[in-house]
Amino acid sequence: TGGPLVDFDGPGRARLFDTDGNGLADRAFSDDGATGYVDTDGDGKWDVRLTDADRDGLADGASSL
């Protein structure tokens, strides 16, 4: 499930998702499931960082980028 894996500059990788099919990633989730990034306005830049400290699949926190 999900899109391609991408290496970030630090340790770990992320899985990208293009939910609206426009060719730009709308969401990215780290391999460990603890962090996600969301592009809310479709401009190709991450707007929100989601954190899931207990990795239950539900965001525990969100912060603007």
C-alpha atoms as a PDB file:
ATOM      1  CA  THR A   1       0.000   0.000   0.000  1.00  0.00           C
ATOM      2  CA  GLY A   2       1.053   3.590  -0.482  1.00  0.00           C
ATOM      3  CA  GLY A   3       3.528   5.186  -2.801  1.00  0.00           C
ATOM      4  CA  PRO A   4       7.274   4.977  -3.217  1.00  0.00           C
ATOM      5  CA  LEU A   5       9.757   4.991  -0.349  1.00  0.00           C
ATOM      6  CA  VAL A   6      11.925   8.104  -0.101  1.00  0.00           C
ATOM      7  CA  ASP A   7      15.127   8.590   1.912  1.00  0.00           C
ATOM      8  CA  PHE A   8      15.317  11.789   3.955  1.00  0.00           C
ATOM      9  CA  ASP A   9      18.610  13.454   4.913  1.00  0.00           C
ATOM     10  CA  GLY A  10      18.521  11.824   8.353  1.00  0.00           C
ATOM     11  CA  PRO A  11      17.991   8.210   9.332  1.00  0.00           C
ATOM     12  CA  GLY A  12      14.825   6.520   8.168  1.00  0.00           C
ATOM     13  CA  ARG A  13      12.573   6.665   5.146  1.00  0.00           C
ATOM     14  CA  ALA A  14       9.070   7.833   4.359  1.00  0.00           C
ATOM     15  CA  ARG A  15       6.229   6.533   2.222  1.00  0.00           C
ATOM     16  CA  LEU A  16       4.588   9.125  -0.052  1.00  0.00           C
ATOM     17  CA  PHE A  17       0.900   9.293  -0.968  1.00  0.00           C
ATOM     18  CA  ASP A  18      -0.716  11.256  -3.828  1.00  0.00           C
ATOM     19  CA  THR A  19      -4.374  11.109  -2.841  1.00  0.00           C
ATOM     20  CA  ASP A  20      -5.689  13.522  -5.482  1.00  0.00           C
ATOM     21  CA  GLY A  21      -3.641  12.137  -8.407  1.00  0.00           C
ATOM     22  CA  ASN A  22      -2.008  15.447  -9.389  1.00  0.00           C
ATOM     23  CA  GLY A  23       1.543  14.074  -9.269  1.00  0.00           C
ATOM     24  CA  LEU A  24       2.483  15.843  -6.006  1.00  0.00           C
ATOM     25  CA  ALA A  25       2.722  13.979  -2.717  1.00  0.00           C
ATOM     26  CA  ASP A  26      -0.085  15.052  -0.378  1.00  0.00           C
ATOM     27  CA  ARG A  27       1.082  13.002   2.593  1.00  0.00           C
ATOM     28  CA  ALA A  28       4.294  11.358   3.797  1.00  0.00           C
ATOM     29  CA  PHE A  29       4.597   8.882   6.663  1.00  0.00           C
ATOM     30  CA  SER A  30       7.824   7.699   8.283  1.00  0.00           C
ATOM     31  CA  ASP A  31       8.660   4.001   8.207  1.00  0.00           C
ATOM     32  CA  ASP A  32       8.165   3.719  11.955  1.00  0.00           C
ATOM     33  CA  GLY A  33       4.729   5.375  11.779  1.00  0.00           C
ATOM     34  CA  ALA A  34       5.585   7.997  14.396  1.00  0.00           C
ATOM     35  CA  THR A  35       5.608  11.046  12.095  1.00  0.00           C
ATOM     36  CA  GLY A  36       3.550  12.163   9.145  1.00  0.00           C
ATOM     37  CA  TYR A  37       3.532  15.270   6.965  1.00  0.00           C
ATOM     38  CA  VAL A  38       0.527  16.699   5.118  1.00  0.00           C
ATOM     39  CA  ASP A  39       0.249  19.204   2.250  1.00  0.00           C
ATOM     40  CA  THR A  40      -3.153  20.752   2.987  1.00  0.00           C
ATOM     41  CA  ASP A  41      -3.287  23.272   0.125  1.00  0.00           C
ATOM     42  CA  GLY A  42      -1.724  21.273  -2.731  1.00  0.00           C
ATOM     43  CA  ASP A  43       1.237  23.600  -3.299  1.00  0.00           C
ATOM     44  CA  GLY A  44       3.822  20.808  -2.973  1.00  0.00           C
ATOM     45  CA  LYS A  45       5.057  21.973   0.452  1.00  0.00           C
ATOM     46  CA  TRP A  46       4.334  20.271   3.779  1.00  0.00           C
ATOM     47  CA  ASP A  47       1.977  22.377   5.944  1.00  0.00           C
ATOM     48  CA  VAL A  48       1.306  20.138   8.950  1.00  0.00           C
ATOM     49  CA  ARG A  49       3.418  17.644  10.912  1.00  0.00           C
ATOM     50  CA  LEU A  50       1.502  14.838  12.638  1.00  0.00           C
ATOM     51  CA  THR A  51       2.965  12.816  15.492  1.00  0.00           C
ATOM     52  CA  ASP A  52       1.783   9.454  16.780  1.00  0.00           C
ATOM     53  CA  ALA A  53       3.946   8.680  19.835  1.00  0.00           C
ATOM     54  CA  ASP A  54       2.133   5.454  20.752  1.00  0.00           C
ATOM     55  CA  ARG A  55       1.891   4.329  17.081  1.00  0.00           C
ATOM     56  CA  ASP A  56      -1.765   3.373  17.307  1.00  0.00           C
ATOM     57  CA  GLY A  57      -2.557   4.901  13.913  1.00  0.00           C
ATOM     58  CA  LEU A  58      -4.210   7.995  15.392  1.00  0.00           C
ATOM     59  CA  ALA A  59      -2.349  11.324  15.508  1.00  0.00           C
ATOM     60  CA  ASP A  60      -1.508  12.451  19.041  1.00  0.00           C
ATOM     61  CA  GLY A  61      -0.420  15.904  17.957  1.00  0.00           C
ATOM     62  CA  ALA A  62      -0.268  18.267  14.985  1.00  0.00           C
ATOM     63  CA  SER A  63       1.878  21.330  14.404  1.00  0.00           C
ATOM     64  CA  SER A  64       2.098  23.868  11.587  1.00  0.00           C
ATOM     65  CA  LEU A  65       5.309  23.964   9.574  1.00  0.00           C
END
